[in-house]
């Protein structure tokens, strides 16, 4: 169970559209108020075609927020918006927009 991701792909629009998530001086983003069950993708050797936005903050061999191709997004957390932080809700909406291009 986890509540935080280690940020990757800082320059991607997922972090600022439509909601701006301020990443200055931050390496992690807390998505949930309390730990949520999570399914991560094993990415020790990064497969091609996979864009990683958030790693497991305890074990960077696993990614919890990834995009494959142009629109297959994995949000690896089980809990919904009612348990998310504001950053978590904003990033969830941003991830939906990110897959709509």
PDB file of N, CA and C in Angstrom:
ATOM      1  N   UNK A   1       0.840  -1.182   0.000  1.00  0.00           N
ATOM      2  CA  UNK A   1       0.000   0.000   0.000  1.00  0.00           C
ATOM      3  C   UNK A   1       0.884   1.244   0.000  1.00  0.00           C
ATOM      4  N   UNK A   2       0.420   2.251  -0.697  1.00  0.00           N
ATOM      5  CA  UNK A   2       1.188   3.485  -0.844  1.00  0.00           C
ATOM      6  C   UNK A   2       0.259   4.694  -0.889  1.00  0.00           C
ATOM      7  N   UNK A   3       0.849   5.882  -0.750  1.00  0.00           N
ATOM      8  CA  UNK A   3       0.077   7.115  -0.893  1.00  0.00           C
ATOM      9  C   UNK A   3       0.822   8.162  -1.710  1.00  0.00           C
ATOM     10  N   UNK A   4       2.073   7.864  -2.126  1.00  0.00           N
ATOM     11  CA  UNK A   4       2.948   8.853  -2.760  1.00  0.00           C
ATOM     12  C   UNK A   4       3.661   8.240  -3.951  1.00  0.00           C
ATOM     13  N   UNK A   5       3.918   9.058  -4.980  1.00  0.00           N
ATOM     14  CA  UNK A   5       4.732   8.614  -6.120  1.00  0.00           C
ATOM     15  C   UNK A   5       5.999   9.460  -6.206  1.00  0.00           C
ATOM     16  N   UNK A   6       7.027   8.856  -6.749  1.00  0.00           N
ATOM     17  CA  UNK A   6       8.262   9.554  -7.085  1.00  0.00           C
ATOM     18  C   UNK A   6       8.099  10.053  -8.515  1.00  0.00           C
ATOM     19  N   UNK A   7       8.206  11.340  -8.723  1.00  0.00           N
ATOM     20  CA  UNK A   7       7.912  11.968 -10.010  1.00  0.00           C
ATOM     21  C   UNK A   7       8.963  11.621 -11.060  1.00  0.00           C
ATOM     22  N   UNK A   8       8.484  11.384 -12.288  1.00  0.00           N
ATOM     23  CA  UNK A   8       9.335  11.218 -13.460  1.00  0.00           C
ATOM     24  C   UNK A   8       8.673  11.978 -14.598  1.00  0.00           C
ATOM     25  N   UNK A   9       9.412  12.220 -15.655  1.00  0.00           N
ATOM     26  CA  UNK A   9       8.888  12.956 -16.826  1.00  0.00           C
ATOM     27  C   UNK A   9       8.399  14.343 -16.427  1.00  0.00           C
ATOM     28  N   UNK A  10       9.261  15.072 -15.726  1.00  0.00           N
ATOM     29  CA  UNK A  10       8.910  16.408 -15.225  1.00  0.00           C
ATOM     30  C   UNK A  10       8.385  17.345 -16.304  1.00  0.00           C
ATOM     31  N   UNK A  11       8.927  17.253 -17.515  1.00  0.00           N
ATOM     32  CA  UNK A  11       8.560  18.195 -18.563  1.00  0.00           C
ATOM     33  C   UNK A  11       7.260  17.883 -19.265  1.00  0.00           C
ATOM     34  N   UNK A  12       6.604  16.797 -18.920  1.00  0.00           N
ATOM     35  CA  UNK A  12       5.377  16.414 -19.610  1.00  0.00           C
ATOM     36  C   UNK A  12       4.200  17.271 -19.168  1.00  0.00           C
ATOM     37  N   UNK A  13       3.256  17.478 -20.076  1.00  0.00           N
ATOM     38  CA  UNK A  13       2.079  18.307 -19.784  1.00  0.00           C
ATOM     39  C   UNK A  13       1.146  17.684 -18.744  1.00  0.00           C
ATOM     40  N   UNK A  14       1.339  16.421 -18.398  1.00  0.00           N
ATOM     41  CA  UNK A  14       0.494  15.800 -17.375  1.00  0.00           C
ATOM     42  C   UNK A  14       0.582  16.554 -16.049  1.00  0.00           C
ATOM     43  N   UNK A  15       1.674  17.250 -15.843  1.00  0.00           N
ATOM     44  CA  UNK A  15       1.880  17.964 -14.578  1.00  0.00           C
ATOM     45  C   UNK A  15       1.270  19.369 -14.572  1.00  0.00           C
ATOM     46  N   UNK A  16       0.805  19.848 -15.741  1.00  0.00           N
ATOM     47  CA  UNK A  16       0.291  21.224 -15.737  1.00  0.00           C
ATOM     48  C   UNK A  16      -0.939  21.469 -16.596  1.00  0.00           C
ATOM     49  N   UNK A  17      -1.601  20.419 -17.078  1.00  0.00           N
ATOM     50  CA  UNK A  17      -2.807  20.651 -17.871  1.00  0.00           C
ATOM     51  C   UNK A  17      -3.855  19.586 -17.585  1.00  0.00           C
ATOM     52  N   UNK A  18      -5.060  20.014 -17.234  1.00  0.00           N
ATOM     53  CA  UNK A  18      -5.539  21.379 -17.066  1.00  0.00           C
ATOM     54  C   UNK A  18      -5.178  22.003 -15.710  1.00  0.00           C
ATOM     55  N   UNK A  19      -4.727  21.179 -14.761  1.00  0.00           N
ATOM     56  CA  UNK A  19      -4.355  21.717 -13.446  1.00  0.00           C
ATOM     57  C   UNK A  19      -2.845  21.749 -13.302  1.00  0.00           C
ATOM     58  N   UNK A  20      -2.342  22.826 -12.736  1.00  0.00           N
ATOM     59  CA  UNK A  20      -0.911  22.966 -12.521  1.00  0.00           C
ATOM     60  C   UNK A  20      -0.532  22.343 -11.175  1.00  0.00           C
ATOM     61  N   UNK A  21       0.343  21.354 -11.230  1.00  0.00           N
ATOM     62  CA  UNK A  21       0.857  20.726 -10.017  1.00  0.00           C
ATOM     63  C   UNK A  21       2.285  21.222  -9.852  1.00  0.00           C
ATOM     64  N   UNK A  22       2.494  22.032  -8.859  1.00  0.00           N
ATOM     65  CA  UNK A  22       3.785  22.674  -8.644  1.00  0.00           C
ATOM     66  C   UNK A  22       4.814  21.634  -8.202  1.00  0.00           C
ATOM     67  N   UNK A  23       5.800  21.381  -9.058  1.00  0.00           N
ATOM     68  CA  UNK A  23       6.821  20.383  -8.764  1.00  0.00           C
ATOM     69  C   UNK A  23       8.146  21.010  -8.349  1.00  0.00           C
ATOM     70  N   UNK A  24       8.186  22.320  -8.239  1.00  0.00           N
ATOM     71  CA  UNK A  24       9.438  22.954  -7.812  1.00  0.00           C
ATOM     72  C   UNK A  24       9.846  22.413  -6.459  1.00  0.00           C
ATOM     73  N   UNK A  25      11.086  22.005  -6.388  1.00  0.00           N
ATOM     74  CA  UNK A  25      11.675  21.502  -5.146  1.00  0.00           C
ATOM     75  C   UNK A  25      10.942  20.292  -4.580  1.00  0.00           C
ATOM     76  N   UNK A  26      10.257  19.559  -5.445  1.00  0.00           N
ATOM     77  CA  UNK A  26       9.564  18.330  -5.003  1.00  0.00           C
ATOM     78  C   UNK A  26       9.990  17.176  -5.897  1.00  0.00           C
ATOM     79  N   UNK A  27      10.258  16.060  -5.281  1.00  0.00           N
ATOM     80  CA  UNK A  27      10.555  14.841  -6.021  1.00  0.00           C
ATOM     81  C   UNK A  27       9.404  13.855  -5.923  1.00  0.00           C
ATOM     82  N   UNK A  28       8.523  14.079  -4.965  1.00  0.00           N
ATOM     83  CA  UNK A  28       7.379  13.192  -4.777  1.00  0.00           C
ATOM     84  C   UNK A  28       6.089  13.996  -4.754  1.00  0.00           C
ATOM     85  N   UNK A  29       4.993  13.299  -5.036  1.00  0.00           N
ATOM     86  CA  UNK A  29       3.658  13.889  -4.935  1.00  0.00           C
ATOM     87  C   UNK A  29       2.807  12.935  -4.112  1.00  0.00           C
ATOM     88  N   UNK A  30       2.238  13.456  -3.048  1.00  0.00           N
ATOM     89  CA  UNK A  30       1.342  12.660  -2.207  1.00  0.00           C
ATOM     90  C   UNK A  30      -0.038  12.669  -2.866  1.00  0.00           C
ATOM     91  N   UNK A  31      -0.526  11.476  -3.242  1.00  0.00           N
ATOM     92  CA  UNK A  31      -1.785  11.359  -3.962  1.00  0.00           C
ATOM     93  C   UNK A  31      -2.968  11.038  -3.061  1.00  0.00           C
ATOM     94  N   UNK A  32      -2.714  10.373  -1.935  1.00  0.00           N
ATOM     95  CA  UNK A  32      -3.779   9.917  -1.047  1.00  0.00           C
ATOM     96  C   UNK A  32      -3.512  10.358   0.384  1.00  0.00           C
ATOM     97  N   UNK A  33      -4.591  10.611   1.104  1.00  0.00           N
ATOM     98  CA  UNK A  33      -4.486  10.991   2.511  1.00  0.00           C
ATOM     99  C   UNK A  33      -3.944   9.835   3.351  1.00  0.00           C
ATOM    100  N   UNK A  34      -4.337   8.613   3.001  1.00  0.00           N
ATOM    101  CA  UNK A  34      -3.861   7.402   3.657  1.00  0.00           C
ATOM    102  C   UNK A  34      -3.444   6.419   2.583  1.00  0.00           C
ATOM    103  N   UNK A  35      -2.720   5.393   2.965  1.00  0.00           N
ATOM    104  CA  UNK A  35      -2.225   4.436   1.986  1.00  0.00           C
ATOM    105  C   UNK A  35      -3.369   3.740   1.256  1.00  0.00           C
ATOM    106  N   UNK A  36      -3.165   3.522  -0.033  1.00  0.00           N
ATOM    107  CA  UNK A  36      -4.102   2.832  -0.907  1.00  0.00           C
ATOM    108  C   UNK A  36      -3.409   1.581  -1.436  1.00  0.00           C
ATOM    109  N   UNK A  37      -4.177   0.539  -1.664  1.00  0.00           N
ATOM    110  CA  UNK A  37      -3.605  -0.620  -2.347  1.00  0.00           C
ATOM    111  C   UNK A  37      -3.201  -0.163  -3.737  1.00  0.00           C
ATOM    112  N   UNK A  38      -2.112  -0.759  -4.244  1.00  0.00           N
ATOM    113  CA  UNK A  38      -1.580  -0.313  -5.524  1.00  0.00           C
ATOM    114  C   UNK A  38      -1.030  -1.493  -6.309  1.00  0.00           C
ATOM    115  N   UNK A  39      -1.144  -1.392  -7.625  1.00  0.00           N
ATOM    116  CA  UNK A  39      -0.532  -2.350  -8.533  1.00  0.00           C
ATOM    117  C   UNK A  39       0.479  -1.578  -9.358  1.00  0.00           C
ATOM    118  N   UNK A  40       1.735  -1.957  -9.264  1.00  0.00           N
ATOM    119  CA  UNK A  40       2.783  -1.311 -10.035  1.00  0.00           C
ATOM    120  C   UNK A  40       3.253  -2.212 -11.160  1.00  0.00           C
ATOM    121  N   UNK A  41       3.815  -1.593 -12.183  1.00  0.00           N
ATOM    122  CA  UNK A  41       4.379  -2.318 -13.313  1.00  0.00           C
ATOM    123  C   UNK A  41       5.885  -2.432 -13.102  1.00  0.00           C
ATOM    124  N   UNK A  42       6.414  -3.648 -13.233  1.00  0.00           N
ATOM    125  CA  UNK A  42       7.846  -3.873 -13.071  1.00  0.00           C
ATOM    126  C   UNK A  42       8.563  -3.270 -14.277  1.00  0.00           C
ATOM    127  N   UNK A  43       9.423  -2.281 -14.016  1.00  0.00           N
ATOM    128  CA  UNK A  43      10.091  -1.542 -15.099  1.00  0.00           C
ATOM    129  C   UNK A  43      11.584  -1.404 -14.843  1.00  0.00           C
ATOM    130  N   UNK A  44      12.186  -2.387 -14.207  1.00  0.00           N
ATOM    131  CA  UNK A  44      13.617  -2.285 -13.902  1.00  0.00           C
ATOM    132  C   UNK A  44      14.414  -1.970 -15.166  1.00  0.00           C
ATOM    133  N   UNK A  45      14.065  -2.609 -16.260  1.00  0.00           N
ATOM    134  CA  UNK A  45      14.638  -2.258 -17.564  1.00  0.00           C
ATOM    135  C   UNK A  45      13.498  -1.637 -18.358  1.00  0.00           C
ATOM    136  N   UNK A  46      13.525  -0.325 -18.505  1.00  0.00           N
ATOM    137  CA  UNK A  46      12.404   0.401 -19.117  1.00  0.00           C
ATOM    138  C   UNK A  46      12.088  -0.128 -20.514  1.00  0.00           C
ATOM    139  N   UNK A  47      10.884  -0.661 -20.679  1.00  0.00           N
ATOM    140  CA  UNK A  47      10.475  -1.112 -22.005  1.00  0.00           C
ATOM    141  C   UNK A  47      10.226   0.082 -22.928  1.00  0.00           C
ATOM    142  N   UNK A  48      10.476  -0.092 -24.209  1.00  0.00           N
ATOM    143  CA  UNK A  48      10.198   0.992 -25.152  1.00  0.00           C
ATOM    144  C   UNK A  48       8.687   1.190 -25.258  1.00  0.00           C
ATOM    145  N   UNK A  49       8.286   2.411 -25.566  1.00  0.00           N
ATOM    146  CA  UNK A  49       6.870   2.726 -25.727  1.00  0.00           C
ATOM    147  C   UNK A  49       6.137   2.986 -24.427  1.00  0.00           C
ATOM    148  N   UNK A  50       6.866   2.989 -23.320  1.00  0.00           N
ATOM    149  CA  UNK A  50       6.252   3.210 -22.019  1.00  0.00           C
ATOM    150  C   UNK A  50       6.780   4.520 -21.434  1.00  0.00           C
ATOM    151  N   UNK A  51       5.868   5.423 -21.084  1.00  0.00           N
ATOM    152  CA  UNK A  51       6.265   6.670 -20.455  1.00  0.00           C
ATOM    153  C   UNK A  51       5.870   6.610 -18.989  1.00  0.00           C
ATOM    154  N   UNK A  52       6.840   6.826 -18.122  1.00  0.00           N
ATOM    155  CA  UNK A  52       6.606   6.728 -16.692  1.00  0.00           C
ATOM    156  C   UNK A  52       6.455   8.128 -16.105  1.00  0.00           C
ATOM    157  N   UNK A  53       5.374   8.313 -15.326  1.00  0.00           N
ATOM    158  CA  UNK A  53       5.144   9.583 -14.653  1.00  0.00           C
ATOM    159  C   UNK A  53       5.363   9.461 -13.148  1.00  0.00           C
ATOM    160  N   UNK A  54       5.145   8.267 -12.604  1.00  0.00           N
ATOM    161  CA  UNK A  54       5.298   8.092 -11.165  1.00  0.00           C
ATOM    162  C   UNK A  54       5.787   6.708 -10.799  1.00  0.00           C
ATOM    163  N   UNK A  55       6.910   6.672 -10.100  1.00  0.00           N
ATOM    164  CA  UNK A  55       7.462   5.417  -9.589  1.00  0.00           C
ATOM    165  C   UNK A  55       6.981   5.178  -8.170  1.00  0.00           C
ATOM    166  N   UNK A  56       7.022   3.928  -7.758  1.00  0.00           N
ATOM    167  CA  UNK A  56       6.853   3.572  -6.352  1.00  0.00           C
ATOM    168  C   UNK A  56       7.957   4.301  -5.596  1.00  0.00           C
ATOM    169  N   UNK A  57       7.609   5.114  -4.637  1.00  0.00           N
ATOM    170  CA  UNK A  57       8.626   5.932  -3.969  1.00  0.00           C
ATOM    171  C   UNK A  57       9.556   5.108  -3.077  1.00  0.00           C
ATOM    172  N   UNK A  58       9.201   3.861  -2.774  1.00  0.00           N
ATOM    173  CA  UNK A  58      10.063   2.991  -1.978  1.00  0.00           C
ATOM    174  C   UNK A  58      10.893   2.033  -2.828  1.00  0.00           C
ATOM    175  N   UNK A  59      10.417   1.699  -4.023  1.00  0.00           N
ATOM    176  CA  UNK A  59      11.088   0.718  -4.880  1.00  0.00           C
ATOM    177  C   UNK A  59      10.937   1.147  -6.336  1.00  0.00           C
ATOM    178  N   UNK A  60      11.930   1.834  -6.855  1.00  0.00           N
ATOM    179  CA  UNK A  60      11.841   2.407  -8.195  1.00  0.00           C
ATOM    180  C   UNK A  60      11.919   1.376  -9.325  1.00  0.00           C
ATOM    181  N   UNK A  61      11.899   0.109  -8.974  1.00  0.00           N
ATOM    182  CA  UNK A  61      11.777  -0.915 -10.020  1.00  0.00           C
ATOM    183  C   UNK A  61      10.335  -1.029 -10.488  1.00  0.00           C
ATOM    184  N   UNK A  62       9.414  -0.383  -9.775  1.00  0.00           N
ATOM    185  CA  UNK A  62       7.995  -0.441 -10.104  1.00  0.00           C
ATOM    186  C   UNK A  62       7.452   0.956 -10.377  1.00  0.00           C
ATOM    187  N   UNK A  63       6.570   1.040 -11.362  1.00  0.00           N
ATOM    188  CA  UNK A  63       5.924   2.311 -11.701  1.00  0.00           C
ATOM    189  C   UNK A  63       4.432   2.193 -11.425  1.00  0.00           C
ATOM    190  N   UNK A  64       3.864   3.234 -10.813  1.00  0.00           N
ATOM    191  CA  UNK A  64       2.452   3.242 -10.433  1.00  0.00           C
ATOM    192  C   UNK A  64       1.592   4.109 -11.346  1.00  0.00           C
ATOM    193  N   UNK A  65       2.233   4.963 -12.132  1.00  0.00           N
ATOM    194  CA  UNK A  65       1.513   5.838 -13.058  1.00  0.00           C
ATOM    195  C   UNK A  65       2.283   5.846 -14.369  1.00  0.00           C
ATOM    196  N   UNK A  66       1.737   5.157 -15.376  1.00  0.00           N
ATOM    197  CA  UNK A  66       2.445   4.989 -16.651  1.00  0.00           C
ATOM    198  C   UNK A  66       1.484   5.151 -17.823  1.00  0.00           C
ATOM    199  N   UNK A  67       2.060   5.524 -18.948  1.00  0.00           N
ATOM    200  CA  UNK A  67       1.326   5.652 -20.205  1.00  0.00           C
ATOM    201  C   UNK A  67       2.021   4.780 -21.229  1.00  0.00           C
ATOM    202  N   UNK A  68       1.250   3.911 -21.889  1.00  0.00           N
ATOM    203  CA  UNK A  68       1.794   3.092 -22.965  1.00  0.00           C
ATOM    204  C   UNK A  68       1.195   3.571 -24.271  1.00  0.00           C
ATOM    205  N   UNK A  69       2.064   3.784 -25.250  1.00  0.00           N
ATOM    206  CA  UNK A  69       1.584   4.333 -26.510  1.00  0.00           C
ATOM    207  C   UNK A  69       1.063   5.742 -26.280  1.00  0.00           C
ATOM    208  N   UNK A  70      -0.078   6.027 -26.876  1.00  0.00           N
ATOM    209  CA  UNK A  70      -0.646   7.367 -26.747  1.00  0.00           C
ATOM    210  C   UNK A  70      -1.803   7.467 -25.777  1.00  0.00           C
ATOM    211  N   UNK A  71      -2.405   6.319 -25.399  1.00  0.00           N
ATOM    212  CA  UNK A  71      -3.581   6.490 -24.556  1.00  0.00           C
ATOM    213  C   UNK A  71      -3.903   5.355 -23.600  1.00  0.00           C
ATOM    214  N   UNK A  72      -3.035   4.401 -23.398  1.00  0.00           N
ATOM    215  CA  UNK A  72      -3.251   3.356 -22.387  1.00  0.00           C
ATOM    216  C   UNK A  72      -2.580   3.800 -21.092  1.00  0.00           C
ATOM    217  N   UNK A  73      -3.367   4.295 -20.169  1.00  0.00           N
ATOM    218  CA  UNK A  73      -2.834   4.835 -18.912  1.00  0.00           C
ATOM    219  C   UNK A  73      -3.122   3.861 -17.778  1.00  0.00           C
ATOM    220  N   UNK A  74      -2.108   3.623 -16.951  1.00  0.00           N
ATOM    221  CA  UNK A  74      -2.301   2.866 -15.718  1.00  0.00           C
ATOM    222  C   UNK A  74      -2.228   3.830 -14.544  1.00  0.00           C
ATOM    223  N   UNK A  75      -3.324   3.934 -13.820  1.00  0.00           N
ATOM    224  CA  UNK A  75      -3.357   4.595 -12.514  1.00  0.00           C
ATOM    225  C   UNK A  75      -3.428   3.421 -11.559  1.00  0.00           C
ATOM    226  N   UNK A  76      -2.310   3.065 -10.970  1.00  0.00           N
ATOM    227  CA  UNK A  76      -2.215   1.803 -10.251  1.00  0.00           C
ATOM    228  C   UNK A  76      -2.855   1.756  -8.875  1.00  0.00           C
ATOM    229  N   UNK A  77      -3.478   2.838  -8.443  1.00  0.00           N
ATOM    230  CA  UNK A  77      -4.034   2.900  -7.095  1.00  0.00           C
ATOM    231  C   UNK A  77      -5.488   2.464  -7.074  1.00  0.00           C
ATOM    232  N   UNK A  78      -5.882   1.802  -5.992  1.00  0.00           N
ATOM    233  CA  UNK A  78      -7.235   1.265  -5.886  1.00  0.00           C
ATOM    234  C   UNK A  78      -8.256   2.295  -5.418  1.00  0.00           C
ATOM    235  N   UNK A  79      -7.891   3.127  -4.451  1.00  0.00           N
ATOM    236  CA  UNK A  79      -8.874   4.034  -3.859  1.00  0.00           C
ATOM    237  C   UNK A  79      -9.260   5.167  -4.807  1.00  0.00           C
ATOM    238  N   UNK A  80     -10.456   5.700  -4.589  1.00  0.00           N
ATOM    239  CA  UNK A  80     -10.993   6.734  -5.449  1.00  0.00           C
ATOM    240  C   UNK A  80     -10.754   8.146  -4.945  1.00  0.00           C
ATOM    241  N   UNK A  81     -11.380   9.116  -5.616  1.00  0.00           N
ATOM    242  CA  UNK A  81     -11.157  10.534  -5.344  1.00  0.00           C
ATOM    243  C   UNK A  81     -11.480  10.984  -3.932  1.00  0.00           C
ATOM    244  N   UNK A  82     -12.416  10.331  -3.270  1.00  0.00           N
ATOM    245  CA  UNK A  82     -12.790  10.769  -1.921  1.00  0.00           C
ATOM    246  C   UNK A  82     -11.647  10.595  -0.931  1.00  0.00           C
ATOM    247  N   UNK A  83     -10.666   9.766  -1.259  1.00  0.00           N
ATOM    248  CA  UNK A  83      -9.519   9.541  -0.363  1.00  0.00           C
ATOM    249  C   UNK A  83      -8.249  10.254  -0.852  1.00  0.00           C
ATOM    250  N   UNK A  84      -8.350  10.930  -1.990  1.00  0.00           N
ATOM    251  CA  UNK A  84      -7.181  11.586  -2.577  1.00  0.00           C
ATOM    252  C   UNK A  84      -6.913  12.944  -1.940  1.00  0.00           C
ATOM    253  N   UNK A  85      -5.666  13.375  -2.061  1.00  0.00           N
ATOM    254  CA  UNK A  85      -5.305  14.758  -1.750  1.00  0.00           C
ATOM    255  C   UNK A  85      -5.758  15.618  -2.930  1.00  0.00           C
ATOM    256  N   UNK A  86      -5.669  16.935  -2.780  1.00  0.00           N
ATOM    257  CA  UNK A  86      -6.001  17.803  -3.912  1.00  0.00           C
ATOM    258  C   UNK A  86      -5.051  17.546  -5.077  1.00  0.00           C
ATOM    259  N   UNK A  87      -3.763  17.376  -4.796  1.00  0.00           N
ATOM    260  CA  UNK A  87      -2.813  17.033  -5.871  1.00  0.00           C
ATOM    261  C   UNK A  87      -3.212  15.734  -6.554  1.00  0.00           C
ATOM    262  N   UNK A  88      -3.657  14.761  -5.785  1.00  0.00           N
ATOM    263  CA  UNK A  88      -4.078  13.482  -6.355  1.00  0.00           C
ATOM    264  C   UNK A  88      -5.261  13.642  -7.289  1.00  0.00           C
ATOM    265  N   UNK A  89      -6.266  14.399  -6.865  1.00  0.00           N
ATOM    266  CA  UNK A  89      -7.438  14.636  -7.725  1.00  0.00           C
ATOM    267  C   UNK A  89      -7.037  15.396  -8.986  1.00  0.00           C
ATOM    268  N   UNK A  90      -6.197  16.421  -8.818  1.00  0.00           N
ATOM    269  CA  UNK A  90      -5.758  17.201  -9.984  1.00  0.00           C
ATOM    270  C   UNK A  90      -4.972  16.332 -10.959  1.00  0.00           C
ATOM    271  N   UNK A  91      -4.069  15.501 -10.449  1.00  0.00           N
ATOM    272  CA  UNK A  91      -3.272  14.648 -11.317  1.00  0.00           C
ATOM    273  C   UNK A  91      -4.134  13.595 -11.996  1.00  0.00           C
ATOM    274  N   UNK A  92      -5.138  13.084 -11.305  1.00  0.00           N
ATOM    275  CA  UNK A  92      -6.041  12.115 -11.923  1.00  0.00           C
ATOM    276  C   UNK A  92      -6.758  12.740 -13.120  1.00  0.00           C
ATOM    277  N   UNK A  93      -7.283  13.950 -12.942  1.00  0.00           N
ATOM    278  CA  UNK A  93      -7.948  14.648 -14.053  1.00  0.00           C
ATOM    279  C   UNK A  93      -6.939  14.916 -15.175  1.00  0.00           C
ATOM    280  N   UNK A  94      -5.744  15.380 -14.815  1.00  0.00           N
ATOM    281  CA  UNK A  94      -4.706  15.623 -15.820  1.00  0.00           C
ATOM    282  C   UNK A  94      -4.390  14.351 -16.598  1.00  0.00           C
ATOM    283  N   UNK A  95      -4.374  13.205 -15.917  1.00  0.00           N
ATOM    284  CA  UNK A  95      -4.068  11.951 -16.607  1.00  0.00           C
ATOM    285  C   UNK A  95      -5.159  11.601 -17.612  1.00  0.00           C
ATOM    286  N   UNK A  96      -6.399  11.948 -17.304  1.00  0.00           N
ATOM    287  CA  UNK A  96      -7.478  11.726 -18.267  1.00  0.00           C
ATOM    288  C   UNK A  96      -7.289  12.609 -19.495  1.00  0.00           C
ATOM    289  N   UNK A  97      -6.982  13.868 -19.272  1.00  0.00           N
ATOM    290  CA  UNK A  97      -6.727  14.774 -20.396  1.00  0.00           C
ATOM    291  C   UNK A  97      -5.532  14.302 -21.209  1.00  0.00           C
ATOM    292  N   UNK A  98      -4.536  13.758 -20.544  1.00  0.00           N
ATOM    293  CA  UNK A  98      -3.312  13.321 -21.225  1.00  0.00           C
ATOM    294  C   UNK A  98      -3.600  12.197 -22.205  1.00  0.00           C
ATOM    295  N   UNK A  99      -4.623  11.382 -21.917  1.00  0.00           N
ATOM    296  CA  UNK A  99      -4.948  10.269 -22.807  1.00  0.00           C
ATOM    297  C   UNK A  99      -5.921  10.656 -23.919  1.00  0.00           C
ATOM    298  N   UNK A 100      -6.424  11.878 -23.891  1.00  0.00           N
ATOM    299  CA  UNK A 100      -7.431  12.301 -24.880  1.00  0.00           C
ATOM    300  C   UNK A 100      -6.832  12.947 -26.128  1.00  0.00           C
ATOM    301  N   UNK A 101      -5.538  13.130 -26.194  1.00  0.00           N
ATOM    302  CA  UNK A 101      -4.924  13.795 -27.353  1.00  0.00           C
ATOM    303  C   UNK A 101      -4.920  12.918 -28.582  1.00  0.00           C
TER     304      UNK A 101
END
